[in-house]
Amino acid sequence: MAKKQLTGEKLKKRAIELNVSLSGLGFESGQPYDEYTLQQRVMVAEHSRRERNLWVIAVISAVASVFSAMAAWLAVSCK
């Protein structure tokens, strides 16, 4: 199921939360800004944040696997 795209002030607020650059979108000129490009930037920033969190989980999982293998090796070798 696709996530609904933010628009208007909600989109701008989310972009600011994610530290997404607003330059080059028309905010400075006071004219209507390029909402599509800002949506793309927000989606990329959210994706990047998810990947960063998953990387940490993967490292923790790998460390746990090493400890599990060491415990199994010790259990077998002490018999």
N, C-alpha and C. Protein backbone atom coordinates (compact mmCIF):
# COMPACT_ATOMS: atom_id res chain seq x y z
N MET A 1 0.84 -1.18 0.00
CA MET A 1 0.00 0.00 0.00
C MET A 1 0.89 1.24 0.00
N ALA A 2 0.65 2.12 -0.93
CA ALA A 2 1.47 3.32 -1.07
C ALA A 2 1.12 4.34 0.00
N LYS A 3 2.15 5.00 0.47
CA LYS A 3 1.97 6.04 1.46
C LYS A 3 1.49 7.31 0.76
N LYS A 4 0.53 7.98 1.35
CA LYS A 4 0.00 9.21 0.77
C LYS A 4 1.05 10.31 0.84
N GLN A 5 1.23 11.02 -0.25
CA GLN A 5 2.20 12.10 -0.32
C GLN A 5 1.71 13.33 0.44
N LEU A 6 2.62 13.93 1.18
CA LEU A 6 2.29 15.16 1.88
C LEU A 6 2.25 16.32 0.89
N THR A 7 1.45 17.33 1.22
CA THR A 7 1.36 18.53 0.38
C THR A 7 1.29 19.76 1.27
N GLY A 8 1.50 20.90 0.68
CA GLY A 8 1.32 22.17 1.36
C GLY A 8 2.23 22.36 2.56
N GLU A 9 1.66 22.90 3.62
CA GLU A 9 2.43 23.20 4.83
C GLU A 9 2.94 21.93 5.53
N LYS A 10 2.17 20.85 5.47
CA LYS A 10 2.64 19.60 6.08
C LYS A 10 3.91 19.11 5.40
N LEU A 11 3.96 19.24 4.08
CA LEU A 11 5.16 18.84 3.33
C LEU A 11 6.34 19.72 3.72
N LYS A 12 6.11 21.02 3.78
CA LYS A 12 7.21 21.94 4.13
C LYS A 12 7.70 21.68 5.55
N LYS A 13 6.77 21.42 6.47
CA LYS A 13 7.15 21.14 7.87
C LYS A 13 7.96 19.86 7.96
N ARG A 14 7.55 18.81 7.23
CA ARG A 14 8.28 17.54 7.24
C ARG A 14 9.68 17.72 6.63
N ALA A 15 9.77 18.51 5.58
CA ALA A 15 11.06 18.76 4.96
C ALA A 15 12.01 19.45 5.94
N ILE A 16 11.49 20.39 6.71
CA ILE A 16 12.32 21.09 7.70
C ILE A 16 12.75 20.12 8.80
N GLU A 17 11.84 19.23 9.23
CA GLU A 17 12.19 18.22 10.25
C GLU A 17 13.35 17.34 9.80
N LEU A 18 13.35 17.00 8.51
CA LEU A 18 14.37 16.11 7.95
C LEU A 18 15.61 16.85 7.46
N ASN A 19 15.63 18.17 7.64
CA ASN A 19 16.74 19.01 7.17
C ASN A 19 16.93 18.92 5.66
N VAL A 20 15.83 18.86 4.94
CA VAL A 20 15.87 18.82 3.48
C VAL A 20 16.07 20.24 2.96
N SER A 21 16.92 20.37 1.95
CA SER A 21 17.18 21.68 1.36
C SER A 21 15.93 22.21 0.65
N LEU A 22 15.61 23.46 0.92
CA LEU A 22 14.47 24.11 0.25
C LEU A 22 14.94 25.03 -0.87
N SER A 23 16.24 25.07 -1.11
CA SER A 23 16.76 25.97 -2.12
C SER A 23 16.41 25.48 -3.52
N GLY A 24 16.22 26.43 -4.40
CA GLY A 24 15.93 26.12 -5.79
C GLY A 24 14.50 25.70 -6.06
N LEU A 25 13.62 25.87 -5.09
CA LEU A 25 12.24 25.44 -5.27
C LEU A 25 11.26 26.60 -5.43
N GLY A 26 11.74 27.83 -5.28
CA GLY A 26 10.88 29.00 -5.47
C GLY A 26 10.38 29.62 -4.18
N PHE A 27 10.86 29.14 -3.02
CA PHE A 27 10.41 29.73 -1.76
C PHE A 27 10.89 31.18 -1.63
N GLU A 28 12.08 31.47 -2.17
CA GLU A 28 12.67 32.79 -2.03
C GLU A 28 11.88 33.84 -2.81
N SER A 29 11.35 33.46 -3.96
CA SER A 29 10.69 34.42 -4.83
C SER A 29 9.25 34.70 -4.42
N GLY A 30 8.70 33.91 -3.53
CA GLY A 30 7.31 34.11 -3.11
C GLY A 30 6.30 33.52 -4.08
N GLN A 31 6.76 32.93 -5.14
CA GLN A 31 5.87 32.31 -6.11
C GLN A 31 5.56 30.89 -5.68
N PRO A 32 4.59 30.26 -6.32
CA PRO A 32 4.32 28.84 -5.99
C PRO A 32 5.59 28.02 -6.16
N TYR A 33 5.85 27.16 -5.17
CA TYR A 33 7.08 26.38 -5.21
C TYR A 33 6.87 25.05 -5.90
N ASP A 34 7.97 24.40 -6.24
CA ASP A 34 7.96 23.12 -6.94
C ASP A 34 7.68 22.01 -5.93
N GLU A 35 6.41 21.70 -5.72
CA GLU A 35 5.99 20.72 -4.71
C GLU A 35 6.46 19.31 -5.04
N TYR A 36 6.44 18.95 -6.31
CA TYR A 36 6.85 17.62 -6.72
C TYR A 36 8.32 17.35 -6.33
N THR A 37 9.19 18.33 -6.62
CA THR A 37 10.61 18.16 -6.29
C THR A 37 10.80 18.07 -4.79
N LEU A 38 10.07 18.86 -4.03
CA LEU A 38 10.18 18.80 -2.57
C LEU A 38 9.69 17.45 -2.05
N GLN A 39 8.62 16.91 -2.64
CA GLN A 39 8.15 15.57 -2.25
C GLN A 39 9.23 14.53 -2.51
N GLN A 40 9.91 14.63 -3.64
CA GLN A 40 10.98 13.69 -3.97
C GLN A 40 12.12 13.79 -2.97
N ARG A 41 12.49 15.01 -2.61
CA ARG A 41 13.57 15.20 -1.64
C ARG A 41 13.20 14.62 -0.28
N VAL A 42 11.95 14.82 0.14
CA VAL A 42 11.49 14.28 1.42
C VAL A 42 11.50 12.76 1.38
N MET A 43 11.04 12.17 0.28
CA MET A 43 11.03 10.71 0.17
C MET A 43 12.45 10.15 0.24
N VAL A 44 13.41 10.80 -0.42
CA VAL A 44 14.80 10.33 -0.38
C VAL A 44 15.35 10.45 1.03
N ALA A 45 15.05 11.54 1.73
CA ALA A 45 15.54 11.73 3.09
C ALA A 45 14.95 10.69 4.04
N GLU A 46 13.66 10.37 3.89
CA GLU A 46 13.03 9.35 4.74
C GLU A 46 13.64 7.98 4.45
N HIS A 47 13.88 7.69 3.18
CA HIS A 47 14.48 6.41 2.80
C HIS A 47 15.89 6.28 3.40
N SER A 48 16.64 7.35 3.33
CA SER A 48 17.99 7.36 3.89
C SER A 48 17.97 7.13 5.39
N ARG A 49 17.02 7.75 6.07
CA ARG A 49 16.90 7.57 7.52
C ARG A 49 16.58 6.12 7.86
N ARG A 50 15.67 5.50 7.10
CA ARG A 50 15.33 4.09 7.33
C ARG A 50 16.53 3.19 7.10
N GLU A 51 17.27 3.44 6.03
CA GLU A 51 18.46 2.63 5.75
C GLU A 51 19.49 2.74 6.85
N ARG A 52 19.67 3.93 7.37
CA ARG A 52 20.65 4.13 8.44
C ARG A 52 20.25 3.34 9.68
N ASN A 53 18.97 3.33 10.01
CA ASN A 53 18.49 2.57 11.16
C ASN A 53 18.63 1.07 10.93
N LEU A 54 18.36 0.61 9.73
CA LEU A 54 18.47 -0.82 9.43
C LEU A 54 19.93 -1.27 9.46
N TRP A 55 20.86 -0.42 9.09
CA TRP A 55 22.27 -0.75 9.13
C TRP A 55 22.71 -1.04 10.56
N VAL A 56 22.25 -0.23 11.51
CA VAL A 56 22.59 -0.44 12.92
C VAL A 56 22.04 -1.78 13.39
N ILE A 57 20.82 -2.10 13.02
CA ILE A 57 20.20 -3.37 13.42
C ILE A 57 20.98 -4.54 12.82
N ALA A 58 21.43 -4.41 11.58
CA ALA A 58 22.20 -5.48 10.93
C ALA A 58 23.52 -5.72 11.65
N VAL A 59 24.19 -4.66 12.08
CA VAL A 59 25.45 -4.82 12.80
C VAL A 59 25.22 -5.51 14.14
N ILE A 60 24.19 -5.10 14.85
CA ILE A 60 23.87 -5.73 16.14
C ILE A 60 23.56 -7.21 15.94
N SER A 61 22.83 -7.54 14.88
CA SER A 61 22.50 -8.93 14.59
C SER A 61 23.76 -9.73 14.28
N ALA A 62 24.69 -9.16 13.53
CA ALA A 62 25.93 -9.86 13.21
C ALA A 62 26.76 -10.12 14.46
N VAL A 63 26.83 -9.15 15.35
CA VAL A 63 27.58 -9.33 16.60
C VAL A 63 26.93 -10.42 17.45
N ALA A 64 25.61 -10.42 17.51
CA ALA A 64 24.92 -11.46 18.27
C ALA A 64 25.19 -12.84 17.68
N SER A 65 25.26 -12.93 16.36
CA SER A 65 25.56 -14.21 15.71
C SER A 65 26.96 -14.70 16.05
N VAL A 66 27.91 -13.79 16.11
CA VAL A 66 29.28 -14.17 16.47
C VAL A 66 29.31 -14.71 17.89
N PHE A 67 28.66 -14.04 18.83
CA PHE A 67 28.62 -14.52 20.21
C PHE A 67 27.93 -15.88 20.30
N SER A 68 26.87 -16.07 19.53
CA SER A 68 26.17 -17.34 19.53
C SER A 68 27.07 -18.46 19.00
N ALA A 69 27.81 -18.18 17.94
CA ALA A 69 28.72 -19.18 17.39
C ALA A 69 29.83 -19.51 18.37
N MET A 70 30.34 -18.51 19.06
CA MET A 70 31.38 -18.75 20.05
C MET A 70 30.84 -19.61 21.21
N ALA A 71 29.63 -19.33 21.64
CA ALA A 71 29.04 -20.11 22.72
C ALA A 71 28.83 -21.56 22.28
N ALA A 72 28.39 -21.77 21.06
CA ALA A 72 28.20 -23.13 20.56
C ALA A 72 29.54 -23.85 20.44
N TRP A 73 30.56 -23.17 19.96
CA TRP A 73 31.88 -23.76 19.84
C TRP A 73 32.43 -24.14 21.22
N LEU A 74 32.26 -23.27 22.21
CA LEU A 74 32.69 -23.59 23.57
C LEU A 74 31.93 -24.78 24.15
N ALA A 75 30.64 -24.84 23.90
CA ALA A 75 29.83 -25.93 24.41
C ALA A 75 30.28 -27.28 23.83
N VAL A 76 30.58 -27.28 22.55
CA VAL A 76 31.02 -28.52 21.89
C VAL A 76 32.44 -28.90 22.32
N SER A 77 33.32 -27.92 22.45
CA SER A 77 34.71 -28.21 22.75
C SER A 77 34.93 -28.60 24.23
N CYS A 78 34.03 -28.24 25.12
CA CYS A 78 34.18 -28.57 26.55
C CYS A 78 33.63 -29.94 26.88
N LYS A 79 33.05 -30.64 25.95
CA LYS A 79 32.49 -31.97 26.24
C LYS A 79 33.55 -33.02 26.25
